[in-house]
Amino acid sequence: AKQGVLLLNTVLTVRNGQTFSHRGKGWEQLTDAAIKKLSDVRVLL
């Protein structure tokens, strides 16, 4: 991360023991916005 690798999940929280439990609650819209902002200003891998 300190070398420039953004370690991002599409959903940023989850219930204990319950994969995908916070999917569809709004995180995807925020992380999509972050990805779009990044791709708008530079070419990234």
PDB file of all heavy atoms in Angstrom:
ATOM      1  N   ALA A   1       0.827  -1.210   0.000  1.00  0.00           N
ATOM      2  CA  ALA A   1       0.000   0.000   0.000  1.00  0.00           C
ATOM      3  C   ALA A   1       0.860   1.257   0.000  1.00  0.00           C
ATOM      4  O   ALA A   1       0.566   2.219  -0.716  1.00  0.00           O
ATOM      5  CB  ALA A   1      -0.938  -0.014   1.196  1.00  0.00           C
ATOM      6  N   LYS A   2       1.916   1.251   0.780  1.00  0.00           N
ATOM      7  CA  LYS A   2       2.792   2.426   0.880  1.00  0.00           C
ATOM      8  C   LYS A   2       3.589   2.639  -0.412  1.00  0.00           C
ATOM      9  O   LYS A   2       4.139   3.714  -0.626  1.00  0.00           O
ATOM     10  CB  LYS A   2       3.735   2.299   2.070  1.00  0.00           C
ATOM     11  CG  LYS A   2       3.034   2.182   3.418  1.00  0.00           C
ATOM     12  CD  LYS A   2       2.283   3.438   3.773  1.00  0.00           C
ATOM     13  CE  LYS A   2       1.675   3.289   5.159  1.00  0.00           C
ATOM     14  NZ  LYS A   2       0.990   4.456   5.629  1.00  0.00           N
ATOM     15  N   GLN A   3       3.612   1.623  -1.282  1.00  0.00           N
ATOM     16  CA  GLN A   3       4.295   1.739  -2.572  1.00  0.00           C
ATOM     17  C   GLN A   3       3.326   2.093  -3.707  1.00  0.00           C
ATOM     18  O   GLN A   3       3.701   2.070  -4.870  1.00  0.00           O
ATOM     19  CB  GLN A   3       5.028   0.434  -2.902  1.00  0.00           C
ATOM     20  CG  GLN A   3       6.178   0.155  -1.972  1.00  0.00           C
ATOM     21  CD  GLN A   3       6.831  -1.192  -2.261  1.00  0.00           C
ATOM     22  OE1 GLN A   3       6.636  -1.800  -3.297  1.00  0.00           O
ATOM     23  NE2 GLN A   3       7.624  -1.665  -1.314  1.00  0.00           N
ATOM     24  N   GLY A   4       2.068   2.387  -3.361  1.00  0.00           N
ATOM     25  CA  GLY A   4       1.112   2.810  -4.374  1.00  0.00           C
ATOM     26  C   GLY A   4       0.107   1.769  -4.814  1.00  0.00           C
ATOM     27  O   GLY A   4      -0.584   1.964  -5.817  1.00  0.00           O
ATOM     28  N   VAL A   5      -0.017   0.679  -4.082  1.00  0.00           N
ATOM     29  CA  VAL A   5      -0.996  -0.361  -4.420  1.00  0.00           C
ATOM     30  C   VAL A   5      -2.240  -0.156  -3.554  1.00  0.00           C
ATOM     31  O   VAL A   5      -2.208  -0.369  -2.342  1.00  0.00           O
ATOM     32  CB  VAL A   5      -0.423  -1.780  -4.197  1.00  0.00           C
ATOM     33  CG1 VAL A   5      -1.479  -2.836  -4.530  1.00  0.00           C
ATOM     34  CG2 VAL A   5       0.833  -1.992  -5.029  1.00  0.00           C
ATOM     35  N   LEU A   6      -3.315   0.294  -4.181  1.00  0.00           N
ATOM     36  CA  LEU A   6      -4.577   0.478  -3.467  1.00  0.00           C
ATOM     37  C   LEU A   6      -5.235  -0.882  -3.306  1.00  0.00           C
ATOM     38  O   LEU A   6      -5.580  -1.538  -4.288  1.00  0.00           O
ATOM     39  CB  LEU A   6      -5.495   1.433  -4.235  1.00  0.00           C
ATOM     40  CG  LEU A   6      -6.857   1.697  -3.610  1.00  0.00           C
ATOM     41  CD1 LEU A   6      -6.720   2.382  -2.251  1.00  0.00           C
ATOM     42  CD2 LEU A   6      -7.720   2.533  -4.553  1.00  0.00           C
ATOM     43  N   LEU A   7      -5.393  -1.324  -2.071  1.00  0.00           N
ATOM     44  CA  LEU A   7      -5.957  -2.631  -1.741  1.00  0.00           C
ATOM     45  C   LEU A   7      -7.434  -2.450  -1.396  1.00  0.00           C
ATOM     46  O   LEU A   7      -7.814  -2.369  -0.232  1.00  0.00           O
ATOM     47  CB  LEU A   7      -5.179  -3.248  -0.573  1.00  0.00           C
ATOM     48  CG  LEU A   7      -3.690  -3.444  -0.828  1.00  0.00           C
ATOM     49  CD1 LEU A   7      -2.932  -3.713   0.472  1.00  0.00           C
ATOM     50  CD2 LEU A   7      -3.466  -4.564  -1.836  1.00  0.00           C
ATOM     51  N   LEU A   8      -8.262  -2.384  -2.417  1.00  0.00           N
ATOM     52  CA  LEU A   8      -9.657  -1.976  -2.267  1.00  0.00           C
ATOM     53  C   LEU A   8     -10.608  -3.140  -2.478  1.00  0.00           C
ATOM     54  O   LEU A   8     -10.479  -3.891  -3.440  1.00  0.00           O
ATOM     55  CB  LEU A   8      -9.961  -0.875  -3.295  1.00  0.00           C
ATOM     56  CG  LEU A   8     -11.324  -0.220  -3.231  1.00  0.00           C
ATOM     57  CD1 LEU A   8     -11.522   0.521  -1.909  1.00  0.00           C
ATOM     58  CD2 LEU A   8     -11.479   0.746  -4.411  1.00  0.00           C
ATOM     59  N   ASN A   9     -11.566  -3.269  -1.590  1.00  0.00           N
ATOM     60  CA  ASN A   9     -12.686  -4.183  -1.794  1.00  0.00           C
ATOM     61  C   ASN A   9     -13.845  -3.388  -2.375  1.00  0.00           C
ATOM     62  O   ASN A   9     -13.967  -2.184  -2.126  1.00  0.00           O
ATOM     63  CB  ASN A   9     -13.125  -4.821  -0.472  1.00  0.00           C
ATOM     64  CG  ASN A   9     -12.206  -5.935  -0.038  1.00  0.00           C
ATOM     65  OD1 ASN A   9     -11.880  -6.818  -0.821  1.00  0.00           O
ATOM     66  ND2 ASN A   9     -11.778  -5.902   1.207  1.00  0.00           N
ATOM     67  N   THR A  10     -14.729  -4.055  -3.125  1.00  0.00           N
ATOM     68  CA  THR A  10     -15.900  -3.358  -3.648  1.00  0.00           C
ATOM     69  C   THR A  10     -16.903  -3.068  -2.541  1.00  0.00           C
ATOM     70  O   THR A  10     -17.681  -2.126  -2.638  1.00  0.00           O
ATOM     71  CB  THR A  10     -16.585  -4.160  -4.769  1.00  0.00           C
ATOM     72  OG1 THR A  10     -16.966  -5.437  -4.282  1.00  0.00           O
ATOM     73  CG2 THR A  10     -15.669  -4.302  -5.971  1.00  0.00           C
ATOM     74  N   VAL A  11     -16.885  -3.881  -1.493  1.00  0.00           N
ATOM     75  CA  VAL A  11     -17.709  -3.696  -0.302  1.00  0.00           C
ATOM     76  C   VAL A  11     -16.734  -3.597   0.869  1.00  0.00           C
ATOM     77  O   VAL A  11     -15.820  -4.415   0.982  1.00  0.00           O
ATOM     78  CB  VAL A  11     -18.681  -4.892  -0.116  1.00  0.00           C
ATOM     79  CG1 VAL A  11     -19.443  -4.792   1.192  1.00  0.00           C
ATOM     80  CG2 VAL A  11     -19.640  -4.979  -1.300  1.00  0.00           C
ATOM     81  N   LEU A  12     -16.910  -2.599   1.742  1.00  0.00           N
ATOM     82  CA  LEU A  12     -15.889  -2.324   2.755  1.00  0.00           C
ATOM     83  C   LEU A  12     -16.181  -2.892   4.137  1.00  0.00           C
ATOM     84  O   LEU A  12     -15.329  -2.807   5.019  1.00  0.00           O
ATOM     85  CB  LEU A  12     -15.661  -0.806   2.864  1.00  0.00           C
ATOM     86  CG  LEU A  12     -15.230  -0.112   1.571  1.00  0.00           C
ATOM     87  CD1 LEU A  12     -14.908   1.351   1.847  1.00  0.00           C
ATOM     88  CD2 LEU A  12     -14.061  -0.818   0.909  1.00  0.00           C
ATOM     89  N   THR A  13     -17.356  -3.480   4.342  1.00  0.00           N
ATOM     90  CA  THR A  13     -17.680  -4.085   5.637  1.00  0.00           C
ATOM     91  C   THR A  13     -18.417  -5.398   5.414  1.00  0.00           C
ATOM     92  O   THR A  13     -18.977  -5.642   4.340  1.00  0.00           O
ATOM     93  CB  THR A  13     -18.564  -3.149   6.495  1.00  0.00           C
ATOM     94  OG1 THR A  13     -19.749  -2.817   5.760  1.00  0.00           O
ATOM     95  CG2 THR A  13     -17.819  -1.888   6.903  1.00  0.00           C
ATOM     96  N   VAL A  14     -18.452  -6.219   6.466  1.00  0.00           N
ATOM     97  CA  VAL A  14     -19.112  -7.525   6.385  1.00  0.00           C
ATOM     98  C   VAL A  14     -19.446  -7.990   7.807  1.00  0.00           C
ATOM     99  O   VAL A  14     -18.732  -7.669   8.755  1.00  0.00           O
ATOM    100  CB  VAL A  14     -18.199  -8.547   5.663  1.00  0.00           C
ATOM    101  CG1 VAL A  14     -16.946  -8.849   6.458  1.00  0.00           C
ATOM    102  CG2 VAL A  14     -18.933  -9.819   5.314  1.00  0.00           C
ATOM    103  N   ARG A  15     -20.541  -8.735   7.940  1.00  0.00           N
ATOM    104  CA  ARG A  15     -20.862  -9.353   9.233  1.00  0.00           C
ATOM    105  C   ARG A  15     -19.934 -10.530   9.487  1.00  0.00           C
ATOM    106  O   ARG A  15     -19.520 -11.226   8.558  1.00  0.00           O
ATOM    107  CB  ARG A  15     -22.299  -9.886   9.239  1.00  0.00           C
ATOM    108  CG  ARG A  15     -23.344  -8.863   9.516  1.00  0.00           C
ATOM    109  CD  ARG A  15     -24.692  -9.537   9.666  1.00  0.00           C
ATOM    110  NE  ARG A  15     -25.734  -8.542   9.879  1.00  0.00           N
ATOM    111  CZ  ARG A  15     -27.003  -8.844  10.050  1.00  0.00           C
ATOM    112  NH1 ARG A  15     -27.403 -10.112  10.015  1.00  0.00           N
ATOM    113  NH2 ARG A  15     -27.882  -7.886  10.243  1.00  0.00           N
ATOM    114  N   ASN A  16     -19.643 -10.760  10.749  1.00  0.00           N
ATOM    115  CA  ASN A  16     -18.815 -11.884  11.146  1.00  0.00           C
ATOM    116  C   ASN A  16     -19.386 -13.185  10.589  1.00  0.00           C
ATOM    117  O   ASN A  16     -20.558 -13.495  10.796  1.00  0.00           O
ATOM    118  CB  ASN A  16     -18.735 -11.960  12.676  1.00  0.00           C
ATOM    119  CG  ASN A  16     -17.780 -13.015  13.148  1.00  0.00           C
ATOM    120  OD1 ASN A  16     -16.608 -12.992  12.810  1.00  0.00           O
ATOM    121  ND2 ASN A  16     -18.281 -13.964  13.932  1.00  0.00           N
ATOM    122  N   GLY A  17     -18.554 -13.919   9.849  1.00  0.00           N
ATOM    123  CA  GLY A  17     -18.943 -15.230   9.343  1.00  0.00           C
ATOM    124  C   GLY A  17     -19.924 -15.213   8.187  1.00  0.00           C
ATOM    125  O   GLY A  17     -20.412 -16.268   7.786  1.00  0.00           O
ATOM    126  N   GLN A  18     -20.242 -14.039   7.617  1.00  0.00           N
ATOM    127  CA  GLN A  18     -21.271 -13.956   6.579  1.00  0.00           C
ATOM    128  C   GLN A  18     -20.758 -13.205   5.350  1.00  0.00           C
ATOM    129  O   GLN A  18     -20.992 -12.016   5.196  1.00  0.00           O
ATOM    130  CB  GLN A  18     -22.518 -13.270   7.125  1.00  0.00           C
ATOM    131  CG  GLN A  18     -23.174 -14.020   8.258  1.00  0.00           C
ATOM    132  CD  GLN A  18     -24.412 -13.302   8.776  1.00  0.00           C
ATOM    133  OE1 GLN A  18     -25.168 -12.721   8.014  1.00  0.00           O
ATOM    134  NE2 GLN A  18     -24.600 -13.354  10.079  1.00  0.00           N
ATOM    135  N   THR A  19     -20.080 -13.930   4.481  1.00  0.00           N
ATOM    136  CA  THR A  19     -19.599 -13.343   3.238  1.00  0.00           C
ATOM    137  C   THR A  19     -20.741 -12.663   2.496  1.00  0.00           C
ATOM    138  O   THR A  19     -21.872 -13.156   2.509  1.00  0.00           O
ATOM    139  CB  THR A  19     -19.002 -14.454   2.343  1.00  0.00           C
ATOM    140  OG1 THR A  19     -17.980 -15.122   3.068  1.00  0.00           O
ATOM    141  CG2 THR A  19     -18.411 -13.886   1.074  1.00  0.00           C
ATOM    142  N   PHE A  20     -20.451 -11.534   1.884  1.00  0.00           N
ATOM    143  CA  PHE A  20     -21.397 -10.766   1.065  1.00  0.00           C
ATOM    144  C   PHE A  20     -22.570 -10.177   1.843  1.00  0.00           C
ATOM    145  O   PHE A  20     -23.526  -9.698   1.243  1.00  0.00           O
ATOM    146  CB  PHE A  20     -21.958 -11.602  -0.099  1.00  0.00           C
ATOM    147  CG  PHE A  20     -20.918 -12.235  -0.968  1.00  0.00           C
ATOM    148  CD1 PHE A  20     -20.956 -13.591  -1.243  1.00  0.00           C
ATOM    149  CD2 PHE A  20     -19.893 -11.485  -1.513  1.00  0.00           C
ATOM    150  CE1 PHE A  20     -20.001 -14.177  -2.042  1.00  0.00           C
ATOM    151  CE2 PHE A  20     -18.942 -12.064  -2.323  1.00  0.00           C
ATOM    152  CZ  PHE A  20     -18.986 -13.421  -2.590  1.00  0.00           C
ATOM    153  N   SER A  21     -22.519 -10.183   3.169  1.00  0.00           N
ATOM    154  CA  SER A  21     -23.662  -9.717   3.954  1.00  0.00           C
ATOM    155  C   SER A  21     -23.932  -8.225   3.814  1.00  0.00           C
ATOM    156  O   SER A  21     -25.042  -7.777   4.096  1.00  0.00           O
ATOM    157  CB  SER A  21     -23.478 -10.088   5.426  1.00  0.00           C
ATOM    158  OG  SER A  21     -22.246  -9.578   5.914  1.00  0.00           O
ATOM    159  N   HIS A  22     -22.959  -7.446   3.381  1.00  0.00           N
ATOM    160  CA  HIS A  22     -23.188  -6.006   3.182  1.00  0.00           C
ATOM    161  C   HIS A  22     -23.184  -5.618   1.704  1.00  0.00           C
ATOM    162  O   HIS A  22     -23.141  -4.440   1.372  1.00  0.00           O
ATOM    163  CB  HIS A  22     -22.160  -5.187   3.964  1.00  0.00           C
ATOM    164  CG  HIS A  22     -22.419  -5.199   5.437  1.00  0.00           C
ATOM    165  ND1 HIS A  22     -21.619  -4.522   6.327  1.00  0.00           N
ATOM    166  CD2 HIS A  22     -23.374  -5.799   6.187  1.00  0.00           C
ATOM    167  CE1 HIS A  22     -22.074  -4.706   7.551  1.00  0.00           C
ATOM    168  NE2 HIS A  22     -23.135  -5.485   7.494  1.00  0.00           N
ATOM    169  N   ARG A  23     -23.250  -6.613   0.847  1.00  0.00           N
ATOM    170  CA  ARG A  23     -23.356  -6.358  -0.593  1.00  0.00           C
ATOM    171  C   ARG A  23     -24.713  -5.704  -0.871  1.00  0.00           C
ATOM    172  O   ARG A  23     -25.725  -6.058  -0.269  1.00  0.00           O
ATOM    173  CB  ARG A  23     -23.255  -7.668  -1.372  1.00  0.00           C
ATOM    174  CG  ARG A  23     -23.366  -7.468  -2.877  1.00  0.00           C
ATOM    175  CD  ARG A  23     -23.457  -8.756  -3.617  1.00  0.00           C
ATOM    176  NE  ARG A  23     -22.129  -9.291  -3.857  1.00  0.00           N
ATOM    177  CZ  ARG A  23     -21.893 -10.454  -4.432  1.00  0.00           C
ATOM    178  NH1 ARG A  23     -22.900 -11.242  -4.788  1.00  0.00           N
ATOM    179  NH2 ARG A  23     -20.672 -10.865  -4.624  1.00  0.00           N
ATOM    180  N   GLY A  24     -24.714  -4.726  -1.772  1.00  0.00           N
ATOM    181  CA  GLY A  24     -25.959  -4.077  -2.153  1.00  0.00           C
ATOM    182  C   GLY A  24     -26.460  -3.029  -1.176  1.00  0.00           C
ATOM    183  O   GLY A  24     -27.571  -2.531  -1.323  1.00  0.00           O
ATOM    184  N   LYS A  25     -25.660  -2.671  -0.192  1.00  0.00           N
ATOM    185  CA  LYS A  25     -26.070  -1.678   0.814  1.00  0.00           C
ATOM    186  C   LYS A  25     -25.582  -0.273   0.490  1.00  0.00           C
ATOM    187  O   LYS A  25     -25.943   0.675   1.176  1.00  0.00           O
ATOM    188  CB  LYS A  25     -25.560  -2.085   2.203  1.00  0.00           C
ATOM    189  CG  LYS A  25     -26.030  -3.444   2.667  1.00  0.00           C
ATOM    190  CD  LYS A  25     -27.535  -3.491   2.806  1.00  0.00           C
ATOM    191  CE  LYS A  25     -27.985  -4.842   3.352  1.00  0.00           C
ATOM    192  NZ  LYS A  25     -29.433  -4.933   3.417  1.00  0.00           N
ATOM    193  N   GLY A  26     -24.737  -0.127  -0.555  1.00  0.00           N
ATOM    194  CA  GLY A  26     -24.264   1.200  -0.936  1.00  0.00           C
ATOM    195  C   GLY A  26     -22.769   1.302  -1.142  1.00  0.00           C
ATOM    196  O   GLY A  26     -22.295   2.246  -1.775  1.00  0.00           O
ATOM    197  N   TRP A  27     -22.030   0.335  -0.599  1.00  0.00           N
ATOM    198  CA  TRP A  27     -20.572   0.397  -0.752  1.00  0.00           C
ATOM    199  C   TRP A  27     -20.140   0.401  -2.209  1.00  0.00           C
ATOM    200  O   TRP A  27     -19.191   1.084  -2.592  1.00  0.00           O
ATOM    201  CB  TRP A  27     -19.899  -0.766  -0.030  1.00  0.00           C
ATOM    202  CG  TRP A  27     -19.783  -0.624   1.444  1.00  0.00           C
ATOM    203  CD1 TRP A  27     -20.198  -1.527   2.389  1.00  0.00           C
ATOM    204  CD2 TRP A  27     -19.196   0.455   2.172  1.00  0.00           C
ATOM    205  NE1 TRP A  27     -19.911  -1.066   3.640  1.00  0.00           N
ATOM    206  CE2 TRP A  27     -19.285   0.153   3.538  1.00  0.00           C
ATOM    207  CE3 TRP A  27     -18.594   1.660   1.794  1.00  0.00           C
ATOM    208  CZ2 TRP A  27     -18.807   1.003   4.534  1.00  0.00           C
ATOM    209  CZ3 TRP A  27     -18.118   2.511   2.780  1.00  0.00           C
ATOM    210  CH2 TRP A  27     -18.226   2.176   4.128  1.00  0.00           C
ATOM    211  N   GLU A  28     -20.824  -0.399  -3.026  1.00  0.00           N
ATOM    212  CA  GLU A  28     -20.420  -0.506  -4.428  1.00  0.00           C
ATOM    213  C   GLU A  28     -20.475   0.840  -5.135  1.00  0.00           C
ATOM    214  O   GLU A  28     -19.638   1.132  -5.988  1.00  0.00           O
ATOM    215  CB  GLU A  28     -21.296  -1.529  -5.165  1.00  0.00           C
ATOM    216  CG  GLU A  28     -21.157  -2.945  -4.658  1.00  0.00           C
ATOM    217  CD  GLU A  28     -22.137  -3.309  -3.549  1.00  0.00           C
ATOM    218  OE1 GLU A  28     -22.709  -2.395  -2.907  1.00  0.00           O
ATOM    219  OE2 GLU A  28     -22.339  -4.498  -3.313  1.00  0.00           O
ATOM    220  N   GLN A  29     -21.437   1.667  -4.777  1.00  0.00           N
ATOM    221  CA  GLN A  29     -21.539   2.986  -5.402  1.00  0.00           C
ATOM    222  C   GLN A  29     -20.340   3.855  -5.011  1.00  0.00           C
ATOM    223  O   GLN A  29     -19.770   4.558  -5.848  1.00  0.00           O
ATOM    224  CB  GLN A  29     -22.854   3.667  -4.998  1.00  0.00           C
ATOM    225  CG  GLN A  29     -23.188   4.853  -5.860  1.00  0.00           C
ATOM    226  CD  GLN A  29     -24.617   5.330  -5.674  1.00  0.00           C
ATOM    227  OE1 GLN A  29     -25.488   4.597  -5.206  1.00  0.00           O
ATOM    228  NE2 GLN A  29     -24.871   6.562  -6.053  1.00  0.00           N
ATOM    229  N   LEU A  30     -19.924   3.775  -3.750  1.00  0.00           N
ATOM    230  CA  LEU A  30     -18.763   4.543  -3.304  1.00  0.00           C
ATOM    231  C   LEU A  30     -17.480   4.037  -3.954  1.00  0.00           C
ATOM    232  O   LEU A  30     -16.680   4.824  -4.466  1.00  0.00           O
ATOM    233  CB  LEU A  30     -18.629   4.478  -1.783  1.00  0.00           C
ATOM    234  CG  LEU A  30     -17.431   5.247  -1.232  1.00  0.00           C
ATOM    235  CD1 LEU A  30     -17.687   6.749  -1.277  1.00  0.00           C
ATOM    236  CD2 LEU A  30     -17.116   4.799   0.182  1.00  0.00           C
ATOM    237  N   THR A  31     -17.273   2.727  -3.964  1.00  0.00           N
ATOM    238  CA  THR A  31     -16.037   2.197  -4.538  1.00  0.00           C
ATOM    239  C   THR A  31     -16.019   2.349  -6.061  1.00  0.00           C
ATOM    240  O   THR A  31     -14.957   2.568  -6.634  1.00  0.00           O
ATOM    241  CB  THR A  31     -15.780   0.740  -4.101  1.00  0.00           C
ATOM    242  OG1 THR A  31     -16.910  -0.085  -4.425  1.00  0.00           O
ATOM    243  CG2 THR A  31     -15.511   0.665  -2.600  1.00  0.00           C
ATOM    244  N   ASP A  32     -17.177   2.276  -6.711  1.00  0.00           N
ATOM    245  CA  ASP A  32     -17.230   2.572  -8.144  1.00  0.00           C
ATOM    246  C   ASP A  32     -16.821   4.019  -8.409  1.00  0.00           C
ATOM    247  O   ASP A  32     -16.114   4.307  -9.379  1.00  0.00           O
ATOM    248  CB  ASP A  32     -18.630   2.321  -8.714  1.00  0.00           C
ATOM    249  CG  ASP A  32     -18.928   0.857  -8.988  1.00  0.00           C
ATOM    250  OD1 ASP A  32     -18.018   0.015  -8.833  1.00  0.00           O
ATOM    251  OD2 ASP A  32     -20.077   0.556  -9.365  1.00  0.00           O
ATOM    252  N   ALA A  33     -17.252   4.930  -7.545  1.00  0.00           N
ATOM    253  CA  ALA A  33     -16.876   6.346  -7.693  1.00  0.00           C
ATOM    254  C   ALA A  33     -15.364   6.505  -7.546  1.00  0.00           C
ATOM    255  O   ALA A  33     -14.735   7.250  -8.306  1.00  0.00           O
ATOM    256  CB  ALA A  33     -17.610   7.210  -6.667  1.00  0.00           C
ATOM    257  N   ALA A  34     -14.772   5.792  -6.584  1.00  0.00           N
ATOM    258  CA  ALA A  34     -13.316   5.857  -6.392  1.00  0.00           C
ATOM    259  C   ALA A  34     -12.584   5.338  -7.630  1.00  0.00           C
ATOM    260  O   ALA A  34     -11.627   5.965  -8.106  1.00  0.00           O
ATOM    261  CB  ALA A  34     -12.907   5.062  -5.153  1.00  0.00           C
ATOM    262  N   ILE A  35     -13.041   4.222  -8.159  1.00  0.00           N
ATOM    263  CA  ILE A  35     -12.408   3.629  -9.347  1.00  0.00           C
ATOM    264  C   ILE A  35     -12.557   4.562 -10.551  1.00  0.00           C
ATOM    265  O   ILE A  35     -11.609   4.775 -11.301  1.00  0.00           O
ATOM    266  CB  ILE A  35     -13.015   2.238  -9.633  1.00  0.00           C
ATOM    267  CG1 ILE A  35     -12.603   1.265  -8.534  1.00  0.00           C
ATOM    268  CG2 ILE A  35     -12.586   1.728 -11.007  1.00  0.00           C
ATOM    269  CD1 ILE A  35     -13.417  -0.016  -8.504  1.00  0.00           C
ATOM    270  N   LYS A  36     -13.726   5.141 -10.700  1.00  0.00           N
ATOM    271  CA  LYS A  36     -13.944   6.070 -11.818  1.00  0.00           C
ATOM    272  C   LYS A  36     -13.029   7.284 -11.691  1.00  0.00           C
ATOM    273  O   LYS A  36     -12.421   7.716 -12.680  1.00  0.00           O
ATOM    274  CB  LYS A  36     -15.400   6.504 -11.881  1.00  0.00           C
ATOM    275  CG  LYS A  36     -15.642   7.485 -13.025  1.00  0.00           C
ATOM    276  CD  LYS A  36     -17.076   7.604 -13.389  1.00  0.00           C
ATOM    277  CE  LYS A  36     -17.359   8.527 -14.540  1.00  0.00           C
ATOM    278  NZ  LYS A  36     -16.284   9.098 -15.284  1.00  0.00           N
ATOM    279  N   LYS A  37     -12.916   7.847 -10.495  1.00  0.00           N
ATOM    280  CA  LYS A  37     -12.040   9.013 -10.291  1.00  0.00           C
ATOM    281  C   LYS A  37     -10.600   8.659 -10.641  1.00  0.00           C
ATOM    282  O   LYS A  37      -9.897   9.438 -11.282  1.00  0.00           O
ATOM    283  CB  LYS A  37     -12.126   9.517  -8.851  1.00  0.00           C
ATOM    284  CG  LYS A  37     -13.460  10.080  -8.472  1.00  0.00           C
ATOM    285  CD  LYS A  37     -13.708  11.415  -9.117  1.00  0.00           C
ATOM    286  CE  LYS A  37     -14.974  12.034  -8.566  1.00  0.00           C
ATOM    287  NZ  LYS A  37     -15.232  13.353  -9.108  1.00  0.00           N
ATOM    288  N   LEU A  38     -10.153   7.486 -10.222  1.00  0.00           N
ATOM    289  CA  LEU A  38      -8.791   7.059 -10.557  1.00  0.00           C
ATOM    290  C   LEU A  38      -8.605   6.924 -12.058  1.00  0.00           C
ATOM    291  O   LEU A  38      -7.625   7.412 -12.621  1.00  0.00           O
ATOM    292  CB  LEU A  38      -8.468   5.725  -9.875  1.00  0.00           C
ATOM    293  CG  LEU A  38      -8.142   5.772  -8.399  1.00  0.00           C
ATOM    294  CD1 LEU A  38      -8.131   4.365  -7.824  1.00  0.00           C
ATOM    295  CD2 LEU A  38      -6.818   6.470  -8.152  1.00  0.00           C
ATOM    296  N   SER A  39      -9.543   6.265 -12.708  1.00  0.00           N
ATOM    297  CA  SER A  39      -9.390   6.018 -14.149  1.00  0.00           C
ATOM    298  C   SER A  39      -9.571   7.297 -14.967  1.00  0.00           C
ATOM    299  O   SER A  39      -9.089   7.373 -16.096  1.00  0.00           O
ATOM    300  CB  SER A  39     -10.347   4.930 -14.623  1.00  0.00           C
ATOM    301  OG  SER A  39     -11.682   5.316 -14.440  1.00  0.00           O
ATOM    302  N   ASP A  40     -10.220   8.301 -14.406  1.00  0.00           N
ATOM    303  CA  ASP A  40     -10.382   9.583 -15.103  1.00  0.00           C
ATOM    304  C   ASP A  40      -9.097  10.401 -15.151  1.00  0.00           C
ATOM    305  O   ASP A  40      -8.917  11.203 -16.061  1.00  0.00           O
ATOM    306  CB  ASP A  40     -11.470  10.435 -14.436  1.00  0.00           C
ATOM    307  CG  ASP A  40     -12.883   9.965 -14.757  1.00  0.00           C
ATOM    308  OD1 ASP A  40     -13.045   9.104 -15.648  1.00  0.00           O
ATOM    309  OD2 ASP A  40     -13.820  10.449 -14.089  1.00  0.00           O
ATOM    310  N   VAL A  41      -8.218  10.211 -14.171  1.00  0.00           N
ATOM    311  CA  VAL A  41      -7.040  11.087 -14.077  1.00  0.00           C
ATOM    312  C   VAL A  41      -5.730  10.429 -14.480  1.00  0.00           C
ATOM    313  O   VAL A  41      -4.754  11.127 -14.715  1.00  0.00           O
ATOM    314  CB  VAL A  41      -6.883  11.701 -12.667  1.00  0.00           C
ATOM    315  CG1 VAL A  41      -8.070  12.576 -12.328  1.00  0.00           C
ATOM    316  CG2 VAL A  41      -6.667  10.635 -11.622  1.00  0.00           C
ATOM    317  N   ARG A  42      -5.692   9.111 -14.531  1.00  0.00           N
ATOM    318  CA  ARG A  42      -4.438   8.460 -14.926  1.00  0.00           C
ATOM    319  C   ARG A  42      -4.696   7.051 -15.409  1.00  0.00           C
ATOM    320  O   ARG A  42      -5.734   6.464 -15.137  1.00  0.00           O
ATOM    321  CB  ARG A  42      -3.435   8.456 -13.775  1.00  0.00           C
ATOM    322  CG  ARG A  42      -3.836   7.626 -12.577  1.00  0.00           C
ATOM    323  CD  ARG A  42      -2.767   7.553 -11.500  1.00  0.00           C
ATOM    324  NE  ARG A  42      -2.464   8.775 -10.823  1.00  0.00           N
ATOM    325  CZ  ARG A  42      -3.135   9.255  -9.776  1.00  0.00           C
ATOM    326  NH1 ARG A  42      -4.170   8.600  -9.322  1.00  0.00           N
ATOM    327  NH2 ARG A  42      -2.771  10.365  -9.193  1.00  0.00           N
ATOM    328  N   VAL A  43      -3.716   6.535 -16.123  1.00  0.00           N
ATOM    329  CA  VAL A  43      -3.770   5.145 -16.567  1.00  0.00           C
ATOM    330  C   VAL A  43      -3.190   4.300 -15.439  1.00  0.00           C
ATOM    331  O   VAL A  43      -2.079   4.541 -14.974  1.00  0.00           O
ATOM    332  CB  VAL A  43      -2.953   4.936 -17.862  1.00  0.00           C
ATOM    333  CG1 VAL A  43      -2.935   3.474 -18.250  1.00  0.00           C
ATOM    334  CG2 VAL A  43      -3.525   5.799 -18.980  1.00  0.00           C
ATOM    335  N   LEU A  44      -3.953   3.339 -14.995  1.00  0.00           N
ATOM    336  CA  LEU A  44      -3.539   2.482 -13.888  1.00  0.00           C
ATOM    337  C   LEU A  44      -3.678   1.022 -14.280  1.00  0.00           C
ATOM    338  O   LEU A  44      -4.422   0.685 -15.200  1.00  0.00           O
ATOM    339  CB  LEU A  44      -4.428   2.707 -12.663  1.00  0.00           C
ATOM    340  CG  LEU A  44      -4.382   4.051 -11.989  1.00  0.00           C
ATOM    341  CD1 LEU A  44      -5.449   4.120 -10.920  1.00  0.00           C
ATOM    342  CD2 LEU A  44      -3.024   4.285 -11.368  1.00  0.00           C
ATOM    343  N   LEU A  45      -3.010   0.190 -13.525  1.00  0.00           N
ATOM    344  CA  LEU A  45      -3.196  -1.248 -13.637  1.00  0.00           C
ATOM    345  C   LEU A  45      -4.237  -1.639 -12.599  1.00  0.00           C
ATOM    346  O   LEU A  45      -4.086  -1.328 -11.413  1.00  0.00           O
ATOM    347  CB  LEU A  45      -1.882  -1.979 -13.366  1.00  0.00           C
ATOM    348  CG  LEU A  45      -1.956  -3.500 -13.320  1.00  0.00           C
ATOM    349  CD1 LEU A  45      -2.419  -4.059 -14.669  1.00  0.00           C
ATOM    350  CD2 LEU A  45      -0.615  -4.077 -12.929  1.00  0.00           C
TER     351      LEU A  45
END
